[in-house]
Amino acid sequence: MTTPELLGFQITHRAMRGETRRLAVLATELAEGRQTADVARAAAVGAYVTRLCAGIHHHHVSEDEVLWPVIERSAGAEVDLRDLSDDHSELDPLLAEVVGQAAAFASTVSTGNASRLAALLTRLADMLDEHIEEEERLLFPIIMKYVSVADWAKVEKAVRKGGDIRTELPRIEEYARPEELVRLRRMAGPVLTVLLSLLRGGHRRRRRMIYGPLADG
């Protein structure tokens, strides 16, 4: 391979956007009474929202601390990262708000708490859509042109480090297209198949608890 393989980043971005939007829809349905949550389901929703926000935070911190320096060193004046960095700064307080409201909903199940959580998750989903689309449009061509395969491998290692493999790996399988899964399995080897088989069952049970009728949507 002579250019970086961006597939992992693409699927991770797709999964972050997809899960945030799906949780926003779920919270809206809970707020409007189209779905209900008992104590166990509310706790599962709160914990999952918290893990998702932690993953988003870890991803953009890894970009700030590892990817941005690699791009600046490789591409120099060809790229301006200030707007994307500003987006990350705006994301942090919103992620904290979402986590706090998820905890409030898990503690006290009410339409008010669900409504506030839905509004925050919708804001987060909208922000992620805009930010990720801009990031991929601006940076992916730069990465392909200027960043070495070795430097890109360091970036991917930094992003993987500290991630929650129990939820993130099965989520990648869920959001990858069939032809992308073939590529991922080819790159990762048999260990990926083994890990997915071990984690898939627990992941599906958690999703049924959280999403209910939306679990397979």
Protein backbone atom coordinates (compact mmCIF):
# COMPACT_ATOMS: atom_id res chain seq x y z
CA MET A 1 0.00 0.00 0.00
CA THR A 2 1.40 3.38 -1.01
CA THR A 3 -1.35 5.66 0.32
CA PRO A 4 -3.18 5.68 3.68
CA GLU A 5 -6.23 3.43 4.03
CA LEU A 6 -9.01 5.71 5.28
CA LEU A 7 -11.73 3.08 5.54
CA GLY A 8 -11.53 2.73 9.32
CA PHE A 9 -11.95 6.46 9.81
CA GLN A 10 -14.85 6.60 7.36
CA ILE A 11 -16.76 3.85 9.14
CA THR A 12 -16.01 5.31 12.58
CA HIS A 13 -17.35 8.67 11.43
CA ARG A 14 -20.44 7.00 9.97
CA ALA A 15 -21.05 5.08 13.19
CA MET A 16 -20.69 8.17 15.42
CA ARG A 17 -23.14 10.10 13.26
CA GLY A 18 -25.55 7.20 12.94
CA GLU A 19 -25.66 6.31 16.63
CA THR A 20 -26.04 9.91 17.76
CA ARG A 21 -28.93 10.45 15.36
CA ARG A 22 -30.55 7.16 16.36
CA LEU A 23 -30.33 8.06 20.04
CA ALA A 24 -31.85 11.47 19.29
CA VAL A 25 -34.79 9.74 17.59
CA LEU A 26 -35.16 7.34 20.52
CA ALA A 27 -35.13 10.17 23.08
CA THR A 28 -37.73 12.04 21.02
CA GLU A 29 -40.00 9.00 20.96
CA LEU A 30 -39.58 8.58 24.72
CA ALA A 31 -40.42 12.25 25.25
CA GLU A 32 -43.53 11.99 23.07
CA GLY A 33 -44.74 8.78 24.69
CA ARG A 34 -44.30 6.66 21.57
CA GLN A 35 -41.89 4.50 23.56
CA THR A 36 -41.54 3.91 27.29
CA ALA A 37 -38.57 3.20 29.54
CA ASP A 38 -38.46 1.39 32.84
CA VAL A 39 -35.58 1.86 35.29
CA ALA A 40 -33.40 -0.80 33.61
CA ARG A 41 -33.88 0.58 30.11
CA ALA A 42 -33.29 4.17 31.24
CA ALA A 43 -30.04 3.08 32.91
CA ALA A 44 -28.97 1.27 29.73
CA VAL A 45 -29.74 4.34 27.61
CA GLY A 46 -27.85 6.63 29.98
CA ALA A 47 -24.80 4.37 30.06
CA TYR A 48 -24.76 3.97 26.29
CA VAL A 49 -25.06 7.70 25.64
CA THR A 50 -22.19 8.27 28.07
CA ARG A 51 -19.98 5.70 26.31
CA LEU A 52 -20.80 7.16 22.91
CA CYS A 53 -19.88 10.67 24.06
CA ALA A 54 -16.64 9.37 25.56
CA GLY A 55 -15.80 7.76 22.23
CA ILE A 56 -16.54 10.96 20.30
CA HIS A 57 -14.40 12.96 22.72
CA HIS A 58 -11.53 10.48 22.46
CA HIS A 59 -11.72 10.56 18.67
CA HIS A 60 -11.47 14.31 18.33
CA VAL A 61 -8.78 14.61 21.03
CA SER A 62 -6.75 12.06 19.08
CA GLU A 63 -7.25 14.17 15.97
CA ASP A 64 -6.14 17.33 17.79
CA GLU A 65 -3.10 15.75 19.41
CA VAL A 66 -1.95 13.28 16.74
CA LEU A 67 -3.64 13.76 13.37
CA TRP A 68 -3.46 17.56 13.14
CA PRO A 69 0.31 17.66 13.81
CA VAL A 70 0.88 14.92 11.23
CA ILE A 71 -1.12 16.83 8.63
CA GLU A 72 0.56 20.14 9.39
CA ARG A 73 4.00 18.54 9.20
CA SER A 74 3.16 16.71 5.98
CA ALA A 75 1.10 19.28 4.09
CA GLY A 76 2.28 22.58 5.56
CA ALA A 77 0.56 25.59 4.00
CA GLU A 78 -1.78 23.39 1.98
CA VAL A 79 -4.16 23.06 4.93
CA ASP A 80 -5.78 25.31 7.56
CA LEU A 81 -7.13 23.38 10.54
CA ARG A 82 -8.41 26.30 12.61
CA ASP A 83 -12.11 25.89 11.80
CA LEU A 84 -12.04 22.16 12.52
CA SER A 85 -10.20 22.75 15.80
CA ASP A 86 -12.79 25.37 16.73
CA ASP A 87 -15.52 22.78 16.10
CA HIS A 88 -13.81 20.43 18.54
CA SER A 89 -13.74 23.19 21.16
CA GLU A 90 -17.49 23.68 20.70
CA LEU A 91 -18.15 19.95 20.91
CA ASP A 92 -16.62 19.50 24.37
CA PRO A 93 -19.18 21.50 26.38
CA LEU A 94 -22.05 20.00 24.37
CA LEU A 95 -20.79 16.48 25.03
CA ALA A 96 -20.65 17.31 28.75
CA GLU A 97 -24.24 18.58 28.62
CA VAL A 98 -25.41 15.43 26.87
CA VAL A 99 -23.69 13.19 29.44
CA GLY A 100 -25.18 15.18 32.31
CA GLN A 101 -28.69 14.98 30.86
CA ALA A 102 -28.29 11.25 30.12
CA ALA A 103 -27.48 10.76 33.80
CA ALA A 104 -30.53 12.82 34.78
CA PHE A 105 -32.76 10.68 32.55
CA ALA A 106 -31.29 7.46 33.95
CA SER A 107 -31.90 8.74 37.48
CA THR A 108 -35.42 10.07 36.94
CA VAL A 109 -37.40 8.79 33.96
CA SER A 110 -39.68 11.60 32.84
CA THR A 111 -40.89 13.15 29.62
CA GLY A 112 -39.12 16.37 30.60
CA ASN A 113 -35.77 14.68 31.02
CA ALA A 114 -36.29 12.72 27.80
CA SER A 115 -37.23 15.91 25.94
CA ARG A 116 -34.13 17.75 27.14
CA LEU A 117 -31.97 14.77 26.21
CA ALA A 118 -33.57 14.62 22.76
CA ALA A 119 -32.87 18.31 22.13
CA LEU A 120 -29.22 17.97 23.14
CA LEU A 121 -28.68 14.79 21.13
CA THR A 122 -30.27 16.41 18.08
CA ARG A 123 -27.91 19.39 18.43
CA LEU A 124 -24.98 17.01 18.74
CA ALA A 125 -26.08 14.97 15.73
CA ASP A 126 -26.46 18.11 13.61
CA MET A 127 -23.04 19.38 14.67
CA LEU A 128 -21.38 16.03 13.96
CA ASP A 129 -22.99 15.84 10.52
CA GLU A 130 -21.70 19.27 9.56
CA HIS A 131 -18.26 18.83 11.12
CA ILE A 132 -17.54 15.35 9.76
CA GLU A 133 -18.73 16.18 6.26
CA GLU A 134 -16.44 19.21 6.22
CA GLU A 135 -13.53 17.28 7.73
CA GLU A 136 -13.75 14.49 5.18
CA ARG A 137 -14.19 16.91 2.28
CA LEU A 138 -11.19 19.02 3.27
CA LEU A 139 -8.79 16.57 4.86
CA PHE A 140 -9.19 13.20 3.20
CA PRO A 141 -7.69 14.41 -0.12
CA ILE A 142 -4.85 16.08 1.82
CA ILE A 143 -4.17 12.90 3.79
CA MET A 144 -4.14 10.79 0.64
CA LYS A 145 -1.75 13.19 -1.09
CA TYR A 146 0.69 14.14 1.65
CA VAL A 147 0.56 11.77 4.66
CA SER A 148 2.75 8.68 4.63
CA VAL A 149 1.41 5.21 5.34
CA ALA A 150 3.68 4.99 8.39
CA ASP A 151 2.40 8.27 9.85
CA TRP A 152 -1.19 7.25 9.18
CA ALA A 153 -0.61 3.98 11.04
CA LYS A 154 0.48 6.02 14.08
CA VAL A 155 -2.70 8.07 13.86
CA GLU A 156 -4.90 4.99 13.71
CA LYS A 157 -3.07 3.42 16.64
CA ALA A 158 -3.64 6.55 18.73
CA VAL A 159 -7.35 6.58 17.88
CA ARG A 160 -7.74 2.89 18.76
CA LYS A 161 -5.90 3.30 22.06
CA GLY A 162 -8.32 3.97 24.88
CA GLY A 163 -11.38 3.09 22.82
CA ASP A 164 -14.21 0.87 24.11
CA ILE A 165 -13.76 -2.24 21.98
CA ARG A 166 -16.87 -3.88 23.48
CA THR A 167 -19.15 -1.37 21.78
CA GLU A 168 -17.03 0.20 19.06
CA LEU A 169 -15.93 -2.93 17.23
CA PRO A 170 -19.42 -4.45 16.82
CA ARG A 171 -20.67 -0.99 15.86
CA ILE A 172 -18.12 -0.85 13.06
CA GLU A 173 -19.44 -4.18 11.80
CA GLU A 174 -22.96 -2.79 11.92
CA TYR A 175 -22.18 0.38 9.97
CA ALA A 176 -19.75 -1.08 7.44
CA ARG A 177 -21.12 -2.01 4.05
CA PRO A 178 -20.65 -5.63 2.96
CA GLU A 179 -17.79 -4.81 0.59
CA GLU A 180 -16.15 -2.71 3.32
CA LEU A 181 -16.32 -5.61 5.76
CA VAL A 182 -14.50 -7.74 3.21
CA ARG A 183 -11.74 -5.12 3.06
CA LEU A 184 -11.58 -4.84 6.85
CA ARG A 185 -11.30 -8.59 7.31
CA ARG A 186 -8.59 -8.73 4.68
CA MET A 187 -6.61 -5.99 6.42
CA ALA A 188 -7.10 -7.23 10.00
CA GLY A 189 -6.87 -10.96 9.41
CA PRO A 190 -8.69 -13.73 11.32
CA VAL A 191 -8.42 -11.96 14.68
CA LEU A 192 -11.17 -9.55 13.59
CA THR A 193 -13.57 -12.40 12.84
CA VAL A 194 -12.85 -13.99 16.23
CA LEU A 195 -13.37 -10.73 18.14
CA LEU A 196 -16.59 -9.93 16.32
CA SER A 197 -18.00 -13.38 17.04
CA LEU A 198 -17.18 -12.97 20.75
CA LEU A 199 -18.66 -9.48 21.06
CA ARG A 200 -21.63 -9.64 18.70
CA GLY A 201 -24.12 -11.35 21.02
CA GLY A 202 -23.65 -8.98 23.94
CA HIS A 203 -23.77 -5.99 21.64
CA ARG A 204 -27.09 -7.08 20.14
CA ARG A 205 -28.63 -7.69 23.56
CA ARG A 206 -27.61 -4.22 24.72
CA ARG A 207 -29.04 -2.65 21.58
CA ARG A 208 -32.38 -4.43 22.01
CA MET A 209 -32.54 -3.15 25.58
CA ILE A 210 -31.72 0.41 24.49
CA TYR A 211 -33.51 0.84 21.19
CA GLY A 212 -36.47 -1.52 21.48
CA PRO A 213 -38.40 -1.41 18.18
CA LEU A 214 -35.62 0.74 16.67
CA ALA A 215 -32.91 -1.85 17.36
CA ASP A 216 -32.94 -3.30 13.86
CA GLY A 217 -33.81 -0.06 12.08
